[in-house]
Amino acid sequence: GREATVAAWQDEDFVKVVLKGLQEAESVTVPFEFLKTS
């Protein structure tokens, strides 16, 4: 449910994204299937 911005691809399967709505930027790396374009 969280909104985010794509930062970079880590490999063929995982993408690093920066989560929105926080005081400090928080990034997570997830499988590309976890993401849906806005």
All heavy atoms as atom14 arrays in JSON, in Angstrom:
{
  "sequence": "GREATVAAWQDEDFVKVVLKGLQEAESVTVPFEFLKTS",
  "atom14_mask": [
    [1, 1, 1, 1, 0, 0, 0, 0, 0, 0, 0, 0, 0, 0],
    [1, 1, 1, 1, 1, 1, 1, 1, 1, 1, 1, 0, 0, 0],
    [1, 1, 1, 1, 1, 1, 1, 1, 1, 0, 0, 0, 0, 0],
    [1, 1, 1, 1, 1, 0, 0, 0, 0, 0, 0, 0, 0, 0],
    [1, 1, 1, 1, 1, 1, 1, 0, 0, 0, 0, 0, 0, 0],
    [1, 1, 1, 1, 1, 1, 1, 0, 0, 0, 0, 0, 0, 0],
    [1, 1, 1, 1, 1, 0, 0, 0, 0, 0, 0, 0, 0, 0],
    [1, 1, 1, 1, 1, 0, 0, 0, 0, 0, 0, 0, 0, 0],
    [1, 1, 1, 1, 1, 1, 1, 1, 1, 1, 1, 1, 1, 1],
    [1, 1, 1, 1, 1, 1, 1, 1, 1, 0, 0, 0, 0, 0],
    [1, 1, 1, 1, 1, 1, 1, 1, 0, 0, 0, 0, 0, 0],
    [1, 1, 1, 1, 1, 1, 1, 1, 1, 0, 0, 0, 0, 0],
    [1, 1, 1, 1, 1, 1, 1, 1, 0, 0, 0, 0, 0, 0],
    [1, 1, 1, 1, 1, 1, 1, 1, 1, 1, 1, 0, 0, 0],
    [1, 1, 1, 1, 1, 1, 1, 0, 0, 0, 0, 0, 0, 0],
    [1, 1, 1, 1, 1, 1, 1, 1, 1, 0, 0, 0, 0, 0],
    [1, 1, 1, 1, 1, 1, 1, 0, 0, 0, 0, 0, 0, 0],
    [1, 1, 1, 1, 1, 1, 1, 0, 0, 0, 0, 0, 0, 0],
    [1, 1, 1, 1, 1, 1, 1, 1, 0, 0, 0, 0, 0, 0],
    [1, 1, 1, 1, 1, 1, 1, 1, 1, 0, 0, 0, 0, 0],
    [1, 1, 1, 1, 0, 0, 0, 0, 0, 0, 0, 0, 0, 0],
    [1, 1, 1, 1, 1, 1, 1, 1, 0, 0, 0, 0, 0, 0],
    [1, 1, 1, 1, 1, 1, 1, 1, 1, 0, 0, 0, 0, 0],
    [1, 1, 1, 1, 1, 1, 1, 1, 1, 0, 0, 0, 0, 0],
    [1, 1, 1, 1, 1, 0, 0, 0, 0, 0, 0, 0, 0, 0],
    [1, 1, 1, 1, 1, 1, 1, 1, 1, 0, 0, 0, 0, 0],
    [1, 1, 1, 1, 1, 1, 0, 0, 0, 0, 0, 0, 0, 0],
    [1, 1, 1, 1, 1, 1, 1, 0, 0, 0, 0, 0, 0, 0],
    [1, 1, 1, 1, 1, 1, 1, 0, 0, 0, 0, 0, 0, 0],
    [1, 1, 1, 1, 1, 1, 1, 0, 0, 0, 0, 0, 0, 0],
    [1, 1, 1, 1, 1, 1, 1, 0, 0, 0, 0, 0, 0, 0],
    [1, 1, 1, 1, 1, 1, 1, 1, 1, 1, 1, 0, 0, 0],
    [1, 1, 1, 1, 1, 1, 1, 1, 1, 0, 0, 0, 0, 0],
    [1, 1, 1, 1, 1, 1, 1, 1, 1, 1, 1, 0, 0, 0],
    [1, 1, 1, 1, 1, 1, 1, 1, 0, 0, 0, 0, 0, 0],
    [1, 1, 1, 1, 1, 1, 1, 1, 1, 0, 0, 0, 0, 0],
    [1, 1, 1, 1, 1, 1, 1, 0, 0, 0, 0, 0, 0, 0],
    [1, 1, 1, 1, 1, 1, 0, 0, 0, 0, 0, 0, 0, 0]
  ],
  "atom14_positions": [
    [[0.79, -1.22, 0.0], [0.0, 0.0, 0.0], [0.82, 1.27, 0.0], [0.29, 2.35, -0.29], [0.0, 0.0, 0.0], [0.0, 0.0, 0.0], [0.0, 0.0, 0.0], [0.0, 0.0, 0.0], [0.0, 0.0, 0.0], [0.0, 0.0, 0.0], [0.0, 0.0, 0.0], [0.0, 0.0, 0.0], [0.0, 0.0, 0.0], [0.0, 0.0, 0.0]],
    [[2.12, 1.17, 0.32], [2.96, 2.36, 0.39], [3.34, 2.85, -1.01], [3.58, 2.08, -1.92], [4.23, 2.06, 1.19], [4.0, 1.7, 2.65], [3.59, 2.93, 3.45], [4.65, 3.93, 3.44], [5.67, 3.92, 4.27], [5.79, 2.98, 5.2], [6.57, 4.88, 4.21], [0.0, 0.0, 0.0], [0.0, 0.0, 0.0], [0.0, 0.0, 0.0]],
    [[3.4, 4.17, -1.14], [3.87, 4.79, -2.37], [5.39, 4.9, -2.31], [5.97, 5.09, -1.24], [3.24, 6.17, -2.55], [1.72, 6.18, -2.61], [1.18, 5.53, -3.87], [1.91, 5.52, -4.88], [0.04, 5.03, -3.83], [0.0, 0.0, 0.0], [0.0, 0.0, 0.0], [0.0, 0.0, 0.0], [0.0, 0.0, 0.0], [0.0, 0.0, 0.0]],
    [[6.03, 4.82, -3.48], [7.49, 4.85, -3.5], [7.98, 5.33, -4.86], [7.2, 5.49, -5.8], [8.06, 3.47, -3.18], [0.0, 0.0, 0.0], [0.0, 0.0, 0.0], [0.0, 0.0, 0.0], [0.0, 0.0, 0.0], [0.0, 0.0, 0.0], [0.0, 0.0, 0.0], [0.0, 0.0, 0.0], [0.0, 0.0, 0.0], [0.0, 0.0, 0.0]],
    [[9.28, 5.54, -4.93], [9.94, 5.95, -6.17], [11.06, 4.97, -6.47], [11.85, 4.63, -5.57], [10.53, 7.37, -6.06], [9.47, 8.28, -5.71], [11.15, 7.8, -7.37], [0.0, 0.0, 0.0], [0.0, 0.0, 0.0], [0.0, 0.0, 0.0], [0.0, 0.0, 0.0], [0.0, 0.0, 0.0], [0.0, 0.0, 0.0], [0.0, 0.0, 0.0]],
    [[11.14, 4.51, -7.71], [12.19, 3.56, -8.09], [13.54, 4.25, -8.03], [13.73, 5.34, -8.6], [11.95, 3.02, -9.52], [13.12, 2.15, -9.96], [10.65, 2.23, -9.56], [0.0, 0.0, 0.0], [0.0, 0.0, 0.0], [0.0, 0.0, 0.0], [0.0, 0.0, 0.0], [0.0, 0.0, 0.0], [0.0, 0.0, 0.0], [0.0, 0.0, 0.0]],
    [[14.49, 3.62, -7.32], [15.85, 4.15, -7.22], [16.77, 3.45, -8.23], [17.44, 4.12, -9.02], [16.38, 3.98, -5.81], [0.0, 0.0, 0.0], [0.0, 0.0, 0.0], [0.0, 0.0, 0.0], [0.0, 0.0, 0.0], [0.0, 0.0, 0.0], [0.0, 0.0, 0.0], [0.0, 0.0, 0.0], [0.0, 0.0, 0.0], [0.0, 0.0, 0.0]],
    [[16.78, 2.13, -8.2], [17.66, 1.39, -9.11], [17.34, -0.1, -9.05], [16.75, -0.59, -8.08], [19.13, 1.63, -8.75], [0.0, 0.0, 0.0], [0.0, 0.0, 0.0], [0.0, 0.0, 0.0], [0.0, 0.0, 0.0], [0.0, 0.0, 0.0], [0.0, 0.0, 0.0], [0.0, 0.0, 0.0], [0.0, 0.0, 0.0], [0.0, 0.0, 0.0]],
    [[17.71, -0.79, -10.09], [17.61, -2.27, -10.11], [18.85, -2.85, -9.47], [19.96, -2.43, -9.78], [17.47, -2.78, -11.54], [16.06, -2.64, -12.08], [15.44, -1.49, -12.45], [15.14, -3.7, -12.3], [14.17, -1.76, -12.89], [13.95, -3.11, -12.81], [15.18, -5.08, -12.12], [12.83, -3.86, -13.13], [14.06, -5.84, -12.45], [12.89, -5.24, -12.94]],
    [[18.65, -3.83, -8.58], [19.78, -4.48, -7.92], [20.32, -5.63, -8.77], [21.51, -5.88, -8.79], [19.37, -5.0, -6.55], [18.86, -3.91, -5.61], [19.93, -2.89, -5.27], [20.12, -1.91, -5.99], [20.65, -3.12, -4.19], [0.0, 0.0, 0.0], [0.0, 0.0, 0.0], [0.0, 0.0, 0.0], [0.0, 0.0, 0.0], [0.0, 0.0, 0.0]],
    [[19.42, -6.36, -9.4], [19.8, -7.43, -10.34], [18.57, -7.68, -11.21], [17.74, -6.79, -11.39], [20.26, -8.7, -9.61], [19.24, -9.2, -8.6], [18.04, -8.95, -8.78], [19.65, -9.85, -7.62], [0.0, 0.0, 0.0], [0.0, 0.0, 0.0], [0.0, 0.0, 0.0], [0.0, 0.0, 0.0], [0.0, 0.0, 0.0], [0.0, 0.0, 0.0]],
    [[18.44, -8.89, -11.76], [17.31, -9.16, -12.65], [15.98, -9.28, -11.91], [14.93, -9.18, -12.54], [17.57, -10.46, -13.43], [18.69, -10.35, -14.44], [18.84, -11.62, -15.26], [18.15, -12.61, -14.92], [19.63, -11.63, -16.2], [0.0, 0.0, 0.0], [0.0, 0.0, 0.0], [0.0, 0.0, 0.0], [0.0, 0.0, 0.0], [0.0, 0.0, 0.0]],
    [[16.02, -9.51, -10.6], [14.8, -9.78, -9.86], [14.4, -8.7, -8.85], [13.21, -8.57, -8.52], [14.91, -11.12, -9.12], [15.03, -12.29, -10.07], [14.34, -12.28, -11.09], [15.83, -13.21, -9.78], [0.0, 0.0, 0.0], [0.0, 0.0, 0.0], [0.0, 0.0, 0.0], [0.0, 0.0, 0.0], [0.0, 0.0, 0.0], [0.0, 0.0, 0.0]],
    [[15.35, -7.96, -8.33], [15.06, -7.05, -7.23], [15.26, -5.58, -7.62], [16.17, -5.24, -8.39], [15.94, -7.38, -6.02], [15.57, -8.68, -5.36], [16.14, -9.87, -5.8], [14.64, -8.72, -4.33], [15.79, -11.08, -5.21], [14.3, -9.91, -3.74], [14.86, -11.11, -4.18], [0.0, 0.0, 0.0], [0.0, 0.0, 0.0], [0.0, 0.0, 0.0]],
    [[14.38, -4.75, -7.04], [14.41, -3.31, -7.31], [14.5, -2.55, -5.99], [13.78, -2.86, -5.04], [13.12, -2.87, -8.06], [13.2, -1.38, -8.4], [12.93, -3.7, -9.32], [0.0, 0.0, 0.0], [0.0, 0.0, 0.0], [0.0, 0.0, 0.0], [0.0, 0.0, 0.0], [0.0, 0.0, 0.0], [0.0, 0.0, 0.0], [0.0, 0.0, 0.0]],
    [[15.36, -1.56, -5.93], [15.47, -0.7, -4.76], [14.56, 0.51, -4.96], [14.63, 1.19, -6.0], [16.91, -0.24, -4.57], [17.12, 0.61, -3.32], [18.58, 1.0, -3.19], [18.82, 1.84, -1.94], [20.24, 2.23, -1.8], [0.0, 0.0, 0.0], [0.0, 0.0, 0.0], [0.0, 0.0, 0.0], [0.0, 0.0, 0.0], [0.0, 0.0, 0.0]],
    [[13.68, 0.77, -3.97], [12.76, 1.9, -4.06], [12.86, 2.73, -2.79], [13.24, 2.23, -1.73], [11.3, 1.43, -4.26], [11.15, 0.65, -5.56], [10.83, 0.58, -3.08], [0.0, 0.0, 0.0], [0.0, 0.0, 0.0], [0.0, 0.0, 0.0], [0.0, 0.0, 0.0], [0.0, 0.0, 0.0], [0.0, 0.0, 0.0], [0.0, 0.0, 0.0]],
    [[12.5, 4.01, -2.92], [12.5, 4.93, -1.78], [11.05, 5.19, -1.4], [10.24, 5.65, -2.23], [13.21, 6.25, -2.13], [13.15, 7.22, -0.95], [14.65, 5.99, -2.55], [0.0, 0.0, 0.0], [0.0, 0.0, 0.0], [0.0, 0.0, 0.0], [0.0, 0.0, 0.0], [0.0, 0.0, 0.0], [0.0, 0.0, 0.0], [0.0, 0.0, 0.0]],
    [[10.71, 4.89, -0.15], [9.34, 5.06, 0.33], [9.02, 6.53, 0.55], [9.88, 7.32, 0.94], [9.15, 4.28, 1.63], [9.38, 2.76, 1.55], [9.26, 2.17, 2.94], [8.39, 2.11, 0.61], [0.0, 0.0, 0.0], [0.0, 0.0, 0.0], [0.0, 0.0, 0.0], [0.0, 0.0, 0.0], [0.0, 0.0, 0.0], [0.0, 0.0, 0.0]],
    [[7.76, 6.86, 0.31], [7.29, 8.24, 0.51], [6.6, 8.38, 1.87], [6.24, 7.4, 2.5], [6.31, 8.63, -0.59], [6.94, 8.71, -1.98], [5.89, 9.17, -2.99], [6.51, 9.32, -4.36], [5.51, 9.78, -5.36], [0.0, 0.0, 0.0], [0.0, 0.0, 0.0], [0.0, 0.0, 0.0], [0.0, 0.0, 0.0], [0.0, 0.0, 0.0]],
    [[6.41, 9.66, 2.28], [5.62, 9.95, 3.48], [6.38, 9.83, 4.77], [5.79, 9.65, 5.82], [0.0, 0.0, 0.0], [0.0, 0.0, 0.0], [0.0, 0.0, 0.0], [0.0, 0.0, 0.0], [0.0, 0.0, 0.0], [0.0, 0.0, 0.0], [0.0, 0.0, 0.0], [0.0, 0.0, 0.0], [0.0, 0.0, 0.0], [0.0, 0.0, 0.0]],
    [[7.69, 9.9, 4.73], [8.49, 9.79, 5.95], [9.32, 11.05, 6.14], [9.66, 11.76, 5.19], [9.41, 8.57, 5.87], [8.71, 7.19, 5.75], [9.76, 6.13, 5.53], [7.92, 6.91, 7.02], [0.0, 0.0, 0.0], [0.0, 0.0, 0.0], [0.0, 0.0, 0.0], [0.0, 0.0, 0.0], [0.0, 0.0, 0.0], [0.0, 0.0, 0.0]],
    [[9.67, 11.3, 7.42], [10.53, 12.44, 7.71], [11.89, 12.23, 7.06], [12.46, 13.15, 6.48], [10.68, 12.6, 9.23], [9.4, 12.99, 9.95], [8.95, 14.39, 9.6], [9.74, 15.23, 9.17], [7.66, 14.65, 9.78], [0.0, 0.0, 0.0], [0.0, 0.0, 0.0], [0.0, 0.0, 0.0], [0.0, 0.0, 0.0], [0.0, 0.0, 0.0]],
    [[12.42, 11.01, 7.2], [13.7, 10.67, 6.59], [13.45, 9.61, 5.53], [12.64, 8.71, 5.71], [14.68, 10.14, 7.63], [15.04, 11.17, 8.71], [16.03, 10.61, 9.7], [16.46, 9.45, 9.52], [16.38, 11.33, 10.65], [0.0, 0.0, 0.0], [0.0, 0.0, 0.0], [0.0, 0.0, 0.0], [0.0, 0.0, 0.0], [0.0, 0.0, 0.0]],
    [[14.16, 9.73, 4.43], [13.97, 8.79, 3.33], [14.32, 7.37, 3.78], [15.35, 7.15, 4.44], [14.84, 9.2, 2.15], [0.0, 0.0, 0.0], [0.0, 0.0, 0.0], [0.0, 0.0, 0.0], [0.0, 0.0, 0.0], [0.0, 0.0, 0.0], [0.0, 0.0, 0.0], [0.0, 0.0, 0.0], [0.0, 0.0, 0.0], [0.0, 0.0, 0.0]],
    [[13.45, 6.44, 3.44], [13.69, 5.02, 3.76], [13.62, 4.22, 2.48], [12.68, 4.35, 1.7], [12.65, 4.5, 4.75], [12.84, 3.03, 5.09], [11.72, 2.49, 5.96], [10.81, 3.26, 6.31], [11.76, 1.28, 6.26], [0.0, 0.0, 0.0], [0.0, 0.0, 0.0], [0.0, 0.0, 0.0], [0.0, 0.0, 0.0], [0.0, 0.0, 0.0]],
    [[14.62, 3.43, 2.24], [14.65, 2.62, 1.03], [14.53, 1.13, 1.38], [15.01, 0.7, 2.43], [15.94, 2.87, 0.24], [17.08, 2.47, 1.0], [0.0, 0.0, 0.0], [0.0, 0.0, 0.0], [0.0, 0.0, 0.0], [0.0, 0.0, 0.0], [0.0, 0.0, 0.0], [0.0, 0.0, 0.0], [0.0, 0.0, 0.0], [0.0, 0.0, 0.0]],
    [[13.89, 0.39, 0.48], [13.76, -1.07, 0.63], [14.03, -1.71, -0.72], [13.86, -1.07, -1.77], [12.36, -1.47, 1.14], [12.11, -0.96, 2.54], [11.28, -1.0, 0.19], [0.0, 0.0, 0.0], [0.0, 0.0, 0.0], [0.0, 0.0, 0.0], [0.0, 0.0, 0.0], [0.0, 0.0, 0.0], [0.0, 0.0, 0.0], [0.0, 0.0, 0.0]],
    [[14.45, -2.94, -0.67], [14.68, -3.7, -1.9], [13.69, -4.85, -1.94], [13.62, -5.65, -1.01], [16.12, -4.24, -1.96], [17.04, -3.13, -1.9], [16.36, -5.02, -3.23], [0.0, 0.0, 0.0], [0.0, 0.0, 0.0], [0.0, 0.0, 0.0], [0.0, 0.0, 0.0], [0.0, 0.0, 0.0], [0.0, 0.0, 0.0], [0.0, 0.0, 0.0]],
    [[12.93, -4.91, -3.02], [11.85, -5.89, -3.13], [11.88, -6.53, -4.52], [12.43, -5.96, -5.46], [10.47, -5.24, -2.9], [10.36, -4.7, -1.48], [10.22, -4.14, -3.92], [0.0, 0.0, 0.0], [0.0, 0.0, 0.0], [0.0, 0.0, 0.0], [0.0, 0.0, 0.0], [0.0, 0.0, 0.0], [0.0, 0.0, 0.0], [0.0, 0.0, 0.0]],
    [[11.26, -7.73, -4.67], [11.12, -8.33, -6.0], [10.28, -7.42, -6.9], [9.38, -6.72, -6.42], [10.4, -9.65, -5.73], [10.69, -9.95, -4.3], [10.75, -8.62, -3.61], [0.0, 0.0, 0.0], [0.0, 0.0, 0.0], [0.0, 0.0, 0.0], [0.0, 0.0, 0.0], [0.0, 0.0, 0.0], [0.0, 0.0, 0.0], [0.0, 0.0, 0.0]],
    [[10.57, -7.39, -8.18], [9.85, -6.47, -9.07], [8.36, -6.77, -9.12], [7.55, -5.89, -9.42], [10.46, -6.47, -10.48], [10.33, -7.76, -11.24], [9.15, -8.09, -11.89], [11.41, -8.63, -11.35], [9.04, -9.26, -12.62], [11.3, -9.81, -12.08], [10.1, -10.13, -12.71], [0.0, 0.0, 0.0], [0.0, 0.0, 0.0], [0.0, 0.0, 0.0]],
    [[7.95, -8.04, -8.78], [6.52, -8.36, -8.77], [5.77, -7.62, -7.67], [4.54, -7.53, -7.7], [6.31, -9.87, -8.59], [6.82, -10.73, -9.72], [8.2, -11.27, -9.43], [8.91, -10.66, -8.59], [8.56, -12.3, -10.01], [0.0, 0.0, 0.0], [0.0, 0.0, 0.0], [0.0, 0.0, 0.0], [0.0, 0.0, 0.0], [0.0, 0.0, 0.0]],
    [[6.5, -7.1, -6.68], [5.88, -6.39, -5.56], [5.44, -4.99, -5.94], [4.76, -4.31, -5.17], [6.84, -6.3, -4.38], [6.95, -7.55, -3.57], [6.77, -8.79, -4.14], [7.22, -7.5, -2.2], [6.87, -9.96, -3.39], [7.32, -8.65, -1.43], [7.14, -9.89, -2.03], [0.0, 0.0, 0.0], [0.0, 0.0, 0.0], [0.0, 0.0, 0.0]],
    [[5.83, -4.53, -7.13], [5.61, -3.14, -7.5], [4.6, -3.0, -8.62], [4.5, -3.84, -9.52], [6.94, -2.51, -7.94], [8.07, -2.57, -6.93], [9.34, -2.01, -7.54], [7.71, -1.81, -5.65], [0.0, 0.0, 0.0], [0.0, 0.0, 0.0], [0.0, 0.0, 0.0], [0.0, 0.0, 0.0], [0.0, 0.0, 0.0], [0.0, 0.0, 0.0]],
    [[3.84, -1.89, -8.54], [2.88, -1.56, -9.59], [3.01, -0.08, -9.88], [3.07, 0.75, -8.96], [1.45, -1.89, -9.12], [0.4, -1.8, -10.21], [-0.93, -2.3, -9.69], [-1.96, -2.34, -10.8], [-3.27, -2.87, -10.3], [0.0, 0.0, 0.0], [0.0, 0.0, 0.0], [0.0, 0.0, 0.0], [0.0, 0.0, 0.0], [0.0, 0.0, 0.0]],
    [[3.07, 0.27, -11.16], [3.22, 1.68, -11.52], [2.0, 2.46, -11.1], [0.87, 1.96, -11.16], [3.44, 1.82, -13.02], [2.36, 1.2, -13.73], [4.75, 1.16, -13.44], [0.0, 0.0, 0.0], [0.0, 0.0, 0.0], [0.0, 0.0, 0.0], [0.0, 0.0, 0.0], [0.0, 0.0, 0.0], [0.0, 0.0, 0.0], [0.0, 0.0, 0.0]],
    [[2.22, 3.68, -10.69], [1.14, 4.5, -10.17], [0.06, 4.77, -11.21], [-1.14, 4.83, -10.9], [1.69, 5.84, -9.67], [2.51, 5.62, -8.54], [0.0, 0.0, 0.0], [0.0, 0.0, 0.0], [0.0, 0.0, 0.0], [0.0, 0.0, 0.0], [0.0, 0.0, 0.0], [0.0, 0.0, 0.0], [0.0, 0.0, 0.0], [0.0, 0.0, 0.0]]
  ]
}
